[in-house]
């Protein structure tokens, strides 16, 4: 920012000396310096400065290429660094063309360029600056370089004003536009690009409930909430009815199984009783057969004939 602050431009000096030396000679150490600083390698052209500044001595150029201090204070280096800086500023301004926020980005650069010209310095600051700056840095700028600085300052200032004036105001409601005096887009007081106020936001009457309760079926519409509640109740009743039907079916199935089991038990008992009676009859018959079969004869008229004959056994 200050022409006398050598520390601000110290990182530019070795590279600038190498670029302005005859043949553009450079070594590996200078390449590392440029790579660390991030400054791209460009070919500096003097343009109109050739007619104003004397030629750079060969000894000074050689000393500057070696990193010596003799050429670091030469006016050629100051002019080269300032010209390179102005070129970079113009490149930044062109790169930001069309960006809505370029005014905020270019304004610090504009202040620096105006500071070089001394446009923003008061008389006291100018006197204090002249007392502090000594050596070759205190020499006035050449006419060609001063005109270039002034041209860059004018370009940056015009671009900043154009960017700010092209911005549309943050106006949405018609009342705000009327208060600002912009009744229509054709009004002379309206800023450039103003197309009038947009449609206002639709306002709806809010619905308040005196007894608000937080519940699951809370909805903006009470009818929808009631319908939702009834649907949920019907669903709950349907589930309950299906559950009761399943329980009844299970109960009936159990009762039917119990009745069938009882019938089977009764049948089994009757079969067992019949089988026991048959077994008993079979045992009795076999016993009579073993005894000679006397008991196998039954009573009747045949017994009278035997008794009369006296053959009845006692």
C-alpha atoms as a PDB file:
ATOM      1  CA  UNK A   1       0.000   0.000   0.000  1.00  0.00           C
ATOM      2  CA  UNK A   2       2.846   2.424   0.781  1.00  0.00           C
ATOM      3  CA  UNK A   3       5.587   3.036  -1.755  1.00  0.00           C
ATOM      4  CA  UNK A   4       8.197   3.128   1.021  1.00  0.00           C
ATOM      5  CA  UNK A   5       7.250  -0.153   2.707  1.00  0.00           C
ATOM      6  CA  UNK A   6       9.882  -2.502   1.327  1.00  0.00           C
ATOM      7  CA  UNK A   7       8.569  -5.452   3.329  1.00  0.00           C
ATOM      8  CA  UNK A   8       5.252  -5.506   1.472  1.00  0.00           C
ATOM      9  CA  UNK A   9       6.953  -5.997  -1.910  1.00  0.00           C
ATOM     10  CA  UNK A  10      10.036  -7.847  -0.710  1.00  0.00           C
ATOM     11  CA  UNK A  11       8.809 -11.156  -2.089  1.00  0.00           C
ATOM     12  CA  UNK A  12       8.485  -9.574  -5.559  1.00  0.00           C
ATOM     13  CA  UNK A  13      11.993  -8.176  -5.806  1.00  0.00           C
ATOM     14  CA  UNK A  14      14.091 -11.298  -6.645  1.00  0.00           C
ATOM     15  CA  UNK A  15      11.655 -12.464  -9.324  1.00  0.00           C
ATOM     16  CA  UNK A  16      11.267  -8.984 -10.810  1.00  0.00           C
ATOM     17  CA  UNK A  17      15.034  -8.507 -11.047  1.00  0.00           C
ATOM     18  CA  UNK A  18      15.394 -11.820 -12.876  1.00  0.00           C
ATOM     19  CA  UNK A  19      12.576 -11.006 -15.297  1.00  0.00           C
ATOM     20  CA  UNK A  20      13.940  -7.527 -16.139  1.00  0.00           C
ATOM     21  CA  UNK A  21      17.519  -8.762 -16.630  1.00  0.00           C
ATOM     22  CA  UNK A  22      18.808  -9.238 -20.220  1.00  0.00           C
ATOM     23  CA  UNK A  23      17.952 -12.683 -21.564  1.00  0.00           C
ATOM     24  CA  UNK A  24      15.618 -13.451 -18.701  1.00  0.00           C
ATOM     25  CA  UNK A  25      18.209 -15.635 -16.931  1.00  0.00           C
ATOM     26  CA  UNK A  26      17.077 -17.350 -13.763  1.00  0.00           C
ATOM     27  CA  UNK A  27      18.302 -20.153 -11.546  1.00  0.00           C
ATOM     28  CA  UNK A  28      16.696 -22.914  -9.491  1.00  0.00           C
ATOM     29  CA  UNK A  29      16.691 -20.843  -6.308  1.00  0.00           C
ATOM     30  CA  UNK A  30      14.634 -18.129  -8.007  1.00  0.00           C
ATOM     31  CA  UNK A  31      12.228 -20.762  -9.377  1.00  0.00           C
ATOM     32  CA  UNK A  32      11.676 -22.037  -5.843  1.00  0.00           C
ATOM     33  CA  UNK A  33      11.035 -18.462  -4.654  1.00  0.00           C
ATOM     34  CA  UNK A  34       8.420 -17.929  -7.386  1.00  0.00           C
ATOM     35  CA  UNK A  35       6.773 -21.284  -6.703  1.00  0.00           C
ATOM     36  CA  UNK A  36       6.560 -20.489  -2.980  1.00  0.00           C
ATOM     37  CA  UNK A  37       5.098 -17.016  -3.594  1.00  0.00           C
ATOM     38  CA  UNK A  38       2.520 -18.270  -6.088  1.00  0.00           C
ATOM     39  CA  UNK A  39       3.326 -15.494  -8.602  1.00  0.00           C
ATOM     40  CA  UNK A  40       3.011 -16.678 -12.237  1.00  0.00           C
ATOM     41  CA  UNK A  41       5.927 -16.155 -14.611  1.00  0.00           C
ATOM     42  CA  UNK A  42       5.126 -13.359 -17.053  1.00  0.00           C
ATOM     43  CA  UNK A  43       7.210 -11.336 -19.493  1.00  0.00           C
ATOM     44  CA  UNK A  44       7.305  -7.684 -18.384  1.00  0.00           C
ATOM     45  CA  UNK A  45       7.095  -5.196 -21.241  1.00  0.00           C
ATOM     46  CA  UNK A  46       8.027  -1.637 -20.589  1.00  0.00           C
ATOM     47  CA  UNK A  47       5.707  -0.081 -23.236  1.00  0.00           C
ATOM     48  CA  UNK A  48       5.741   3.656 -22.664  1.00  0.00           C
ATOM     49  CA  UNK A  49       8.183   3.364 -19.730  1.00  0.00           C
ATOM     50  CA  UNK A  50      11.082   2.804 -22.169  1.00  0.00           C
ATOM     51  CA  UNK A  51      10.900   6.428 -23.265  1.00  0.00           C
ATOM     52  CA  UNK A  52      10.808   7.733 -19.693  1.00  0.00           C
ATOM     53  CA  UNK A  53      13.294   5.595 -17.738  1.00  0.00           C
ATOM     54  CA  UNK A  54      16.980   5.249 -18.607  1.00  0.00           C
ATOM     55  CA  UNK A  55      18.224   1.821 -19.645  1.00  0.00           C
ATOM     56  CA  UNK A  56      19.063  -0.595 -16.842  1.00  0.00           C
ATOM     57  CA  UNK A  57      22.834  -0.942 -16.398  1.00  0.00           C
ATOM     58  CA  UNK A  58      24.258  -4.376 -17.097  1.00  0.00           C
ATOM     59  CA  UNK A  59      26.099  -4.487 -13.778  1.00  0.00           C
ATOM     60  CA  UNK A  60      22.938  -3.668 -11.867  1.00  0.00           C
ATOM     61  CA  UNK A  61      20.975  -6.277 -13.813  1.00  0.00           C
ATOM     62  CA  UNK A  62      23.629  -8.899 -13.127  1.00  0.00           C
ATOM     63  CA  UNK A  63      23.665  -7.991  -9.446  1.00  0.00           C
ATOM     64  CA  UNK A  64      19.882  -8.191  -9.363  1.00  0.00           C
ATOM     65  CA  UNK A  65      19.933 -11.609 -11.011  1.00  0.00           C
ATOM     66  CA  UNK A  66      22.336 -12.804  -8.321  1.00  0.00           C
ATOM     67  CA  UNK A  67      20.084 -11.412  -5.601  1.00  0.00           C
ATOM     68  CA  UNK A  68      22.352  -8.492  -4.749  1.00  0.00           C
ATOM     69  CA  UNK A  69      21.094  -5.368  -3.063  1.00  0.00           C
ATOM     70  CA  UNK A  70      22.423  -2.866  -5.594  1.00  0.00           C
ATOM     71  CA  UNK A  71      19.614  -3.380  -8.091  1.00  0.00           C
ATOM     72  CA  UNK A  72      16.869  -3.798  -5.480  1.00  0.00           C
ATOM     73  CA  UNK A  73      16.593  -0.045  -5.008  1.00  0.00           C
ATOM     74  CA  UNK A  74      16.685   0.859  -8.701  1.00  0.00           C
ATOM     75  CA  UNK A  75      13.697   2.807 -10.105  1.00  0.00           C
ATOM     76  CA  UNK A  76      13.318   0.185 -12.828  1.00  0.00           C
ATOM     77  CA  UNK A  77      12.344  -2.415 -10.237  1.00  0.00           C
ATOM     78  CA  UNK A  78       9.800  -0.111  -8.604  1.00  0.00           C
ATOM     79  CA  UNK A  79       8.231   0.708 -11.937  1.00  0.00           C
ATOM     80  CA  UNK A  80       8.204  -2.944 -12.998  1.00  0.00           C
ATOM     81  CA  UNK A  81       6.586  -4.082  -9.764  1.00  0.00           C
ATOM     82  CA  UNK A  82       3.972  -1.326  -9.912  1.00  0.00           C
ATOM     83  CA  UNK A  83       3.201  -2.057 -13.579  1.00  0.00           C
ATOM     84  CA  UNK A  84       2.859  -5.756 -12.817  1.00  0.00           C
ATOM     85  CA  UNK A  85       0.563  -4.995  -9.881  1.00  0.00           C
ATOM     86  CA  UNK A  86      -1.625  -2.780 -12.054  1.00  0.00           C
ATOM     87  CA  UNK A  87      -1.859  -5.564 -14.628  1.00  0.00           C
ATOM     88  CA  UNK A  88      -2.914  -8.036 -11.960  1.00  0.00           C
ATOM     89  CA  UNK A  89      -5.538  -5.588 -10.669  1.00  0.00           C
ATOM     90  CA  UNK A  90      -6.971  -5.209 -14.170  1.00  0.00           C
ATOM     91  CA  UNK A  91      -7.003  -8.997 -14.577  1.00  0.00           C
ATOM     92  CA  UNK A  92      -8.947  -9.359 -11.330  1.00  0.00           C
ATOM     93  CA  UNK A  93     -11.423  -6.702 -12.447  1.00  0.00           C
ATOM     94  CA  UNK A  94     -11.978  -8.463 -15.783  1.00  0.00           C
ATOM     95  CA  UNK A  95     -12.353 -11.860 -14.098  1.00  0.00           C
ATOM     96  CA  UNK A  96     -15.078 -10.490 -11.817  1.00  0.00           C
ATOM     97  CA  UNK A  97     -17.079  -9.027 -14.707  1.00  0.00           C
ATOM     98  CA  UNK A  98     -20.735  -9.958 -14.278  1.00  0.00           C
ATOM     99  CA  UNK A  99     -20.407 -10.876 -10.607  1.00  0.00           C
ATOM    100  CA  UNK A 100     -23.042  -9.116  -8.439  1.00  0.00           C
ATOM    101  CA  UNK A 101     -20.587  -8.683  -5.566  1.00  0.00           C
ATOM    102  CA  UNK A 102     -17.662  -7.367  -7.567  1.00  0.00           C
ATOM    103  CA  UNK A 103     -18.063  -3.905  -6.011  1.00  0.00           C
ATOM    104  CA  UNK A 104     -17.095  -5.250  -2.588  1.00  0.00           C
ATOM    105  CA  UNK A 105     -14.214  -7.225  -4.125  1.00  0.00           C
ATOM    106  CA  UNK A 106     -12.829  -4.344  -6.214  1.00  0.00           C
ATOM    107  CA  UNK A 107     -13.247  -1.605  -3.586  1.00  0.00           C
ATOM    108  CA  UNK A 108     -10.109  -2.574  -1.563  1.00  0.00           C
ATOM    109  CA  UNK A 109      -8.064  -2.596  -4.793  1.00  0.00           C
ATOM    110  CA  UNK A 110      -9.453   0.814  -5.703  1.00  0.00           C
ATOM    111  CA  UNK A 111      -8.425   2.193  -2.322  1.00  0.00           C
ATOM    112  CA  UNK A 112      -4.876   0.877  -2.801  1.00  0.00           C
ATOM    113  CA  UNK A 113      -4.595   2.374  -6.293  1.00  0.00           C
ATOM    114  CA  UNK A 114      -5.931   5.724  -5.076  1.00  0.00           C
ATOM    115  CA  UNK A 115      -3.477   5.537  -2.186  1.00  0.00           C
ATOM    116  CA  UNK A 116      -0.623   5.308  -4.691  1.00  0.00           C
ATOM    117  CA  UNK A 117      -1.826   8.522  -6.316  1.00  0.00           C
ATOM    118  CA  UNK A 118      -2.354  10.147  -2.909  1.00  0.00           C
ATOM    119  CA  UNK A 119      -5.960  11.012  -3.694  1.00  0.00           C
ATOM    120  CA  UNK A 120      -7.247   9.950  -0.276  1.00  0.00           C
ATOM    121  CA  UNK A 121      -4.412  11.429   1.813  1.00  0.00           C
ATOM    122  CA  UNK A 122      -4.891  14.618   3.780  1.00  0.00           C
ATOM    123  CA  UNK A 123      -2.227  17.329   3.944  1.00  0.00           C
ATOM    124  CA  UNK A 124      -0.956  16.108   7.318  1.00  0.00           C
ATOM    125  CA  UNK A 125      -0.752  12.512   6.076  1.00  0.00           C
ATOM    126  CA  UNK A 126       1.031  13.690   2.928  1.00  0.00           C
ATOM    127  CA  UNK A 127       3.619  15.617   4.958  1.00  0.00           C
ATOM    128  CA  UNK A 128       4.135  12.675   7.320  1.00  0.00           C
ATOM    129  CA  UNK A 129       4.536  10.357   4.343  1.00  0.00           C
ATOM    130  CA  UNK A 130       7.116  12.623   2.710  1.00  0.00           C
ATOM    131  CA  UNK A 131       9.125  12.683   5.929  1.00  0.00           C
ATOM    132  CA  UNK A 132       9.100   8.892   6.290  1.00  0.00           C
ATOM    133  CA  UNK A 133       9.812   7.975   2.648  1.00  0.00           C
ATOM    134  CA  UNK A 134      13.466   8.423   1.698  1.00  0.00           C
ATOM    135  CA  UNK A 135      15.717   7.057  -1.034  1.00  0.00           C
ATOM    136  CA  UNK A 136      14.685   6.108  -4.575  1.00  0.00           C
ATOM    137  CA  UNK A 137      11.163   5.244  -3.384  1.00  0.00           C
ATOM    138  CA  UNK A 138      10.489   8.910  -2.622  1.00  0.00           C
ATOM    139  CA  UNK A 139      10.968   9.920  -6.237  1.00  0.00           C
ATOM    140  CA  UNK A 140       7.772  10.955  -8.082  1.00  0.00           C
ATOM    141  CA  UNK A 141       6.139   8.535 -10.510  1.00  0.00           C
ATOM    142  CA  UNK A 142       6.908   8.920 -14.220  1.00  0.00           C
ATOM    143  CA  UNK A 143       4.219  10.546 -16.299  1.00  0.00           C
ATOM    144  CA  UNK A 144       3.415   7.363 -18.225  1.00  0.00           C
ATOM    145  CA  UNK A 145       3.197   5.267 -15.061  1.00  0.00           C
ATOM    146  CA  UNK A 146       1.156   7.927 -13.244  1.00  0.00           C
ATOM    147  CA  UNK A 147      -1.290   8.077 -16.154  1.00  0.00           C
ATOM    148  CA  UNK A 148      -1.574   4.278 -16.087  1.00  0.00           C
ATOM    149  CA  UNK A 149      -2.305   4.319 -12.349  1.00  0.00           C
ATOM    150  CA  UNK A 150      -4.909   7.028 -12.881  1.00  0.00           C
ATOM    151  CA  UNK A 151      -6.500   5.068 -15.734  1.00  0.00           C
ATOM    152  CA  UNK A 152      -6.762   1.924 -13.592  1.00  0.00           C
ATOM    153  CA  UNK A 153      -8.271   3.957 -10.754  1.00  0.00           C
ATOM    154  CA  UNK A 154     -10.869   5.430 -13.111  1.00  0.00           C
ATOM    155  CA  UNK A 155     -11.753   1.999 -14.525  1.00  0.00           C
ATOM    156  CA  UNK A 156     -12.161   0.493 -11.061  1.00  0.00           C
ATOM    157  CA  UNK A 157     -14.208   3.461  -9.834  1.00  0.00           C
ATOM    158  CA  UNK A 158     -16.524   3.390 -12.847  1.00  0.00           C
ATOM    159  CA  UNK A 159     -16.991  -0.369 -12.559  1.00  0.00           C
ATOM    160  CA  UNK A 160     -17.796  -0.075  -8.846  1.00  0.00           C
ATOM    161  CA  UNK A 161     -20.378   2.666  -9.430  1.00  0.00           C
ATOM    162  CA  UNK A 162     -21.938   0.736 -12.318  1.00  0.00           C
ATOM    163  CA  UNK A 163     -22.210  -2.401 -10.195  1.00  0.00           C
ATOM    164  CA  UNK A 164     -23.845  -0.558  -7.288  1.00  0.00           C
ATOM    165  CA  UNK A 165     -26.279   1.371  -9.514  1.00  0.00           C
ATOM    166  CA  UNK A 166     -27.410  -1.789 -11.329  1.00  0.00           C
ATOM    167  CA  UNK A 167     -28.589  -3.475  -8.144  1.00  0.00           C
ATOM    168  CA  UNK A 168     -32.325  -3.749  -7.597  1.00  0.00           C
ATOM    169  CA  UNK A 169     -33.763  -2.644  -4.275  1.00  0.00           C
ATOM    170  CA  UNK A 170     -35.142  -5.188  -1.826  1.00  0.00           C
ATOM    171  CA  UNK A 171     -38.771  -4.085  -2.229  1.00  0.00           C
ATOM    172  CA  UNK A 172     -41.669  -6.549  -2.248  1.00  0.00           C
ATOM    173  CA  UNK A 173     -44.858  -4.939  -0.891  1.00  0.00           C
ATOM    174  CA  UNK A 174     -46.630  -2.138  -2.806  1.00  0.00           C
ATOM    175  CA  UNK A 175     -46.703  -0.011   0.357  1.00  0.00           C
ATOM    176  CA  UNK A 176     -42.929   0.011   0.558  1.00  0.00           C
ATOM    177  CA  UNK A 177     -42.627   1.048  -3.076  1.00  0.00           C
ATOM    178  CA  UNK A 178     -45.084   3.907  -2.524  1.00  0.00           C
ATOM    179  CA  UNK A 179     -43.223   5.056   0.587  1.00  0.00           C
ATOM    180  CA  UNK A 180     -39.969   5.126  -1.389  1.00  0.00           C
ATOM    181  CA  UNK A 181     -41.603   7.173  -4.165  1.00  0.00           C
ATOM    182  CA  UNK A 182     -41.445   4.414  -6.773  1.00  0.00           C
ATOM    183  CA  UNK A 183     -45.088   4.229  -7.812  1.00  0.00           C
ATOM    184  CA  UNK A 184     -44.390   2.472 -11.103  1.00  0.00           C
ATOM    185  CA  UNK A 185     -41.508   1.035 -13.056  1.00  0.00           C
ATOM    186  CA  UNK A 186     -41.588   4.054 -15.405  1.00  0.00           C
ATOM    187  CA  UNK A 187     -41.024   6.529 -12.562  1.00  0.00           C
ATOM    188  CA  UNK A 188     -37.914   8.696 -12.945  1.00  0.00           C
ATOM    189  CA  UNK A 189     -36.940   8.162  -9.292  1.00  0.00           C
ATOM    190  CA  UNK A 190     -36.978   4.365  -9.580  1.00  0.00           C
ATOM    191  CA  UNK A 191     -33.529   2.728  -9.785  1.00  0.00           C
ATOM    192  CA  UNK A 192     -32.452   0.931 -12.968  1.00  0.00           C
ATOM    193  CA  UNK A 193     -33.906  -2.524 -13.385  1.00  0.00           C
ATOM    194  CA  UNK A 194     -36.861  -1.861 -11.050  1.00  0.00           C
ATOM    195  CA  UNK A 195     -39.925  -3.742 -12.357  1.00  0.00           C
ATOM    196  CA  UNK A 196     -42.463  -2.757  -9.767  1.00  0.00           C
ATOM    197  CA  UNK A 197     -43.631  -4.461  -6.605  1.00  0.00           C
ATOM    198  CA  UNK A 198     -44.704  -8.074  -6.765  1.00  0.00           C
ATOM    199  CA  UNK A 199     -47.963  -9.561  -5.565  1.00  0.00           C
ATOM    200  CA  UNK A 200     -48.375  -9.434  -1.777  1.00  0.00           C
ATOM    201  CA  UNK A 201     -48.217 -12.585   0.255  1.00  0.00           C
ATOM    202  CA  UNK A 202     -51.667 -14.116   0.750  1.00  0.00           C
ATOM    203  CA  UNK A 203     -52.838 -13.751   4.354  1.00  0.00           C
ATOM    204  CA  UNK A 204     -55.195 -16.303   5.913  1.00  0.00           C
ATOM    205  CA  UNK A 205     -57.271 -15.890   9.062  1.00  0.00           C
ATOM    206  CA  UNK A 206     -55.770 -18.103  11.758  1.00  0.00           C
ATOM    207  CA  UNK A 207     -57.957 -20.587  13.632  1.00  0.00           C
ATOM    208  CA  UNK A 208     -57.670 -20.521  17.397  1.00  0.00           C
ATOM    209  CA  UNK A 209     -58.946 -23.125  19.841  1.00  0.00           C
ATOM    210  CA  UNK A 210     -59.924 -22.069  23.330  1.00  0.00           C
ATOM    211  CA  UNK A 211     -59.252 -25.505  24.803  1.00  0.00           C
ATOM    212  CA  UNK A 212     -56.176 -26.817  23.113  1.00  0.00           C
ATOM    213  CA  UNK A 213     -55.222 -30.395  23.854  1.00  0.00           C
ATOM    214  CA  UNK A 214     -52.275 -32.220  22.401  1.00  0.00           C
ATOM    215  CA  UNK A 215     -53.597 -35.407  20.873  1.00  0.00           C
ATOM    216  CA  UNK A 216     -52.688 -37.815  18.150  1.00  0.00           C
ATOM    217  CA  UNK A 217     -55.372 -36.716  15.678  1.00  0.00           C
ATOM    218  CA  UNK A 218     -54.535 -33.011  15.865  1.00  0.00           C
ATOM    219  CA  UNK A 219     -55.223 -31.357  12.530  1.00  0.00           C
ATOM    220  CA  UNK A 220     -55.889 -27.904  11.165  1.00  0.00           C
ATOM    221  CA  UNK A 221     -59.415 -28.933  10.123  1.00  0.00           C
ATOM    222  CA  UNK A 222     -61.669 -30.269  12.884  1.00  0.00           C
ATOM    223  CA  UNK A 223     -63.878 -32.127  10.393  1.00  0.00           C
ATOM    224  CA  UNK A 224     -60.905 -33.992   8.996  1.00  0.00           C
ATOM    225  CA  UNK A 225     -59.715 -34.736  12.500  1.00  0.00           C
ATOM    226  CA  UNK A 226     -63.164 -36.072  13.436  1.00  0.00           C
ATOM    227  CA  UNK A 227     -63.321 -38.236  10.306  1.00  0.00           C
ATOM    228  CA  UNK A 228     -59.844 -39.537  11.016  1.00  0.00           C
ATOM    229  CA  UNK A 229     -60.857 -40.357  14.568  1.00  0.00           C
ATOM    230  CA  UNK A 230     -63.992 -42.222  13.384  1.00  0.00           C
ATOM    231  CA  UNK A 231     -61.992 -44.176  10.831  1.00  0.00           C
ATOM    232  CA  UNK A 232     -59.536 -45.173  13.510  1.00  0.00           C
ATOM    233  CA  UNK A 233     -62.410 -46.195  15.802  1.00  0.00           C
ATOM    234  CA  UNK A 234     -64.018 -48.316  13.051  1.00  0.00           C
ATOM    235  CA  UNK A 235     -60.705 -49.990  12.419  1.00  0.00           C
ATOM    236  CA  UNK A 236     -60.302 -50.674  16.114  1.00  0.00           C
ATOM    237  CA  UNK A 237     -63.834 -52.123  16.356  1.00  0.00           C
ATOM    238  CA  UNK A 238     -63.249 -54.290  13.289  1.00  0.00           C
ATOM    239  CA  UNK A 239     -60.105 -55.690  14.842  1.00  0.00           C
ATOM    240  CA  UNK A 240     -61.993 -56.336  18.092  1.00  0.00           C
ATOM    241  CA  UNK A 241     -64.835 -58.134  16.272  1.00  0.00           C
ATOM    242  CA  UNK A 242     -62.388 -60.300  14.338  1.00  0.00           C
ATOM    243  CA  UNK A 243     -60.620 -61.139  17.573  1.00  0.00           C
ATOM    244  CA  UNK A 244     -63.914 -62.137  19.247  1.00  0.00           C
ATOM    245  CA  UNK A 245     -64.892 -64.255  16.251  1.00  0.00           C
ATOM    246  CA  UNK A 246     -61.577 -66.063  16.422  1.00  0.00           C
ATOM    247  CA  UNK A 247     -62.067 -66.682  20.122  1.00  0.00           C
ATOM    248  CA  UNK A 248     -65.638 -67.987  19.550  1.00  0.00           C
ATOM    249  CA  UNK A 249     -64.441 -70.292  16.783  1.00  0.00           C
ATOM    250  CA  UNK A 250     -61.718 -71.654  19.021  1.00  0.00           C
ATOM    251  CA  UNK A 251     -64.220 -72.175  21.861  1.00  0.00           C
ATOM    252  CA  UNK A 252     -66.705 -73.970  19.619  1.00  0.00           C
ATOM    253  CA  UNK A 253     -63.939 -76.143  18.239  1.00  0.00           C
ATOM    254  CA  UNK A 254     -62.858 -77.065  21.742  1.00  0.00           C
ATOM    255  CA  UNK A 255     -66.439 -77.911  22.781  1.00  0.00           C
ATOM    256  CA  UNK A 256     -66.936 -80.014  19.681  1.00  0.00           C
ATOM    257  CA  UNK A 257     -63.703 -81.851  20.366  1.00  0.00           C
ATOM    258  CA  UNK A 258     -64.751 -82.483  23.972  1.00  0.00           C
ATOM    259  CA  UNK A 259     -68.136 -83.863  22.888  1.00  0.00           C
ATOM    260  CA  UNK A 260     -66.470 -86.106  20.329  1.00  0.00           C
ATOM    261  CA  UNK A 261     -64.028 -87.272  22.976  1.00  0.00           C
ATOM    262  CA  UNK A 262     -66.920 -88.100  25.335  1.00  0.00           C
ATOM    263  CA  UNK A 263     -68.719 -90.064  22.642  1.00  0.00           C
ATOM    264  CA  UNK A 264     -65.558 -92.021  21.946  1.00  0.00           C
ATOM    265  CA  UNK A 265     -65.143 -92.755  25.639  1.00  0.00           C
ATOM    266  CA  UNK A 266     -68.766 -94.036  25.953  1.00  0.00           C
ATOM    267  CA  UNK A 267     -68.364 -96.227  22.892  1.00  0.00           C
ATOM    268  CA  UNK A 268     -65.106 -97.597  24.256  1.00  0.00           C
ATOM    269  CA  UNK A 269     -66.822 -98.423  27.558  1.00  0.00           C
ATOM    270  CA  UNK A 270     -69.701-100.253  25.823  1.00  0.00           C
ATOM    271  CA  UNK A 271     -67.278-102.210  23.706  1.00  0.00           C
ATOM    272  CA  UNK A 272     -65.311-103.174  26.776  1.00  0.00           C
ATOM    273  CA  UNK A 273     -68.518-104.275  28.604  1.00  0.00           C
ATOM    274  CA  UNK A 274     -69.672-106.363  25.655  1.00  0.00           C
ATOM    275  CA  UNK A 275     -66.270-107.935  25.299  1.00  0.00           C
ATOM    276  CA  UNK A 276     -66.201-108.763  29.026  1.00  0.00           C
ATOM    277  CA  UNK A 277     -69.648-110.431  28.791  1.00  0.00           C
ATOM    278  CA  UNK A 278     -68.563-112.441  25.771  1.00  0.00           C
ATOM    279  CA  UNK A 279     -65.399-113.509  27.535  1.00  0.00           C
ATOM    280  CA  UNK A 280     -67.445-114.584  30.540  1.00  0.00           C
ATOM    281  CA  UNK A 281     -69.841-116.627  28.401  1.00  0.00           C
ATOM    282  CA  UNK A 282     -66.975-118.257  26.583  1.00  0.00           C
ATOM    283  CA  UNK A 283     -65.330-119.173  29.879  1.00  0.00           C
ATOM    284  CA  UNK A 284     -68.569-120.715  31.211  1.00  0.00           C
ATOM    285  CA  UNK A 285     -69.083-122.738  28.045  1.00  0.00           C
ATOM    286  CA  UNK A 286     -65.559-124.066  28.165  1.00  0.00           C
ATOM    287  CA  UNK A 287     -66.003-125.020  31.821  1.00  0.00           C
ATOM    288  CA  UNK A 288     -69.180-127.023  31.076  1.00  0.00           C
ATOM    289  CA  UNK A 289     -67.422-128.806  28.262  1.00  0.00           C
ATOM    290  CA  UNK A 290     -64.643-129.852  30.620  1.00  0.00           C
ATOM    291  CA  UNK A 291     -67.182-131.271  33.135  1.00  0.00           C
ATOM    292  CA  UNK A 292     -68.692-133.626  30.614  1.00  0.00           C
ATOM    293  CA  UNK A 293     -71.350-131.548  29.126  1.00  0.00           C
ATOM    294  CA  UNK A 294     -74.025-132.381  31.710  1.00  0.00           C
ATOM    295  CA  UNK A 295     -74.866-128.861  32.251  1.00  0.00           C
ATOM    296  CA  UNK A 296     -75.163-128.260  28.531  1.00  0.00           C
ATOM    297  CA  UNK A 297     -78.622-129.873  28.489  1.00  0.00           C
ATOM    298  CA  UNK A 298     -81.378-127.534  29.010  1.00  0.00           C
ATOM    299  CA  UNK A 299     -84.768-128.090  30.755  1.00  0.00           C
ATOM    300  CA  UNK A 300     -88.032-128.878  29.053  1.00  0.00           C
ATOM    301  CA  UNK A 301     -90.270-131.872  28.216  1.00  0.00           C
ATOM    302  CA  UNK A 302     -87.248-134.073  27.713  1.00  0.00           C
ATOM    303  CA  UNK A 303     -86.505-133.999  31.418  1.00  0.00           C
ATOM    304  CA  UNK A 304     -89.811-135.617  32.288  1.00  0.00           C
ATOM    305  CA  UNK A 305     -88.968-138.756  30.279  1.00  0.00           C
ATOM    306  CA  UNK A 306     -85.582-139.044  31.966  1.00  0.00           C
ATOM    307  CA  UNK A 307     -87.130-138.637  35.409  1.00  0.00           C
ATOM    308  CA  UNK A 308     -89.704-141.265  34.681  1.00  0.00           C
ATOM    309  CA  UNK A 309     -87.057-143.692  33.630  1.00  0.00           C
ATOM    310  CA  UNK A 310     -85.081-142.984  36.803  1.00  0.00           C
ATOM    311  CA  UNK A 311     -82.022-141.940  34.964  1.00  0.00           C
ATOM    312  CA  UNK A 312     -81.858-138.401  36.261  1.00  0.00           C
ATOM    313  CA  UNK A 313     -78.689-137.845  38.130  1.00  0.00           C
ATOM    314  CA  UNK A 314     -78.815-136.053  41.402  1.00  0.00           C
END
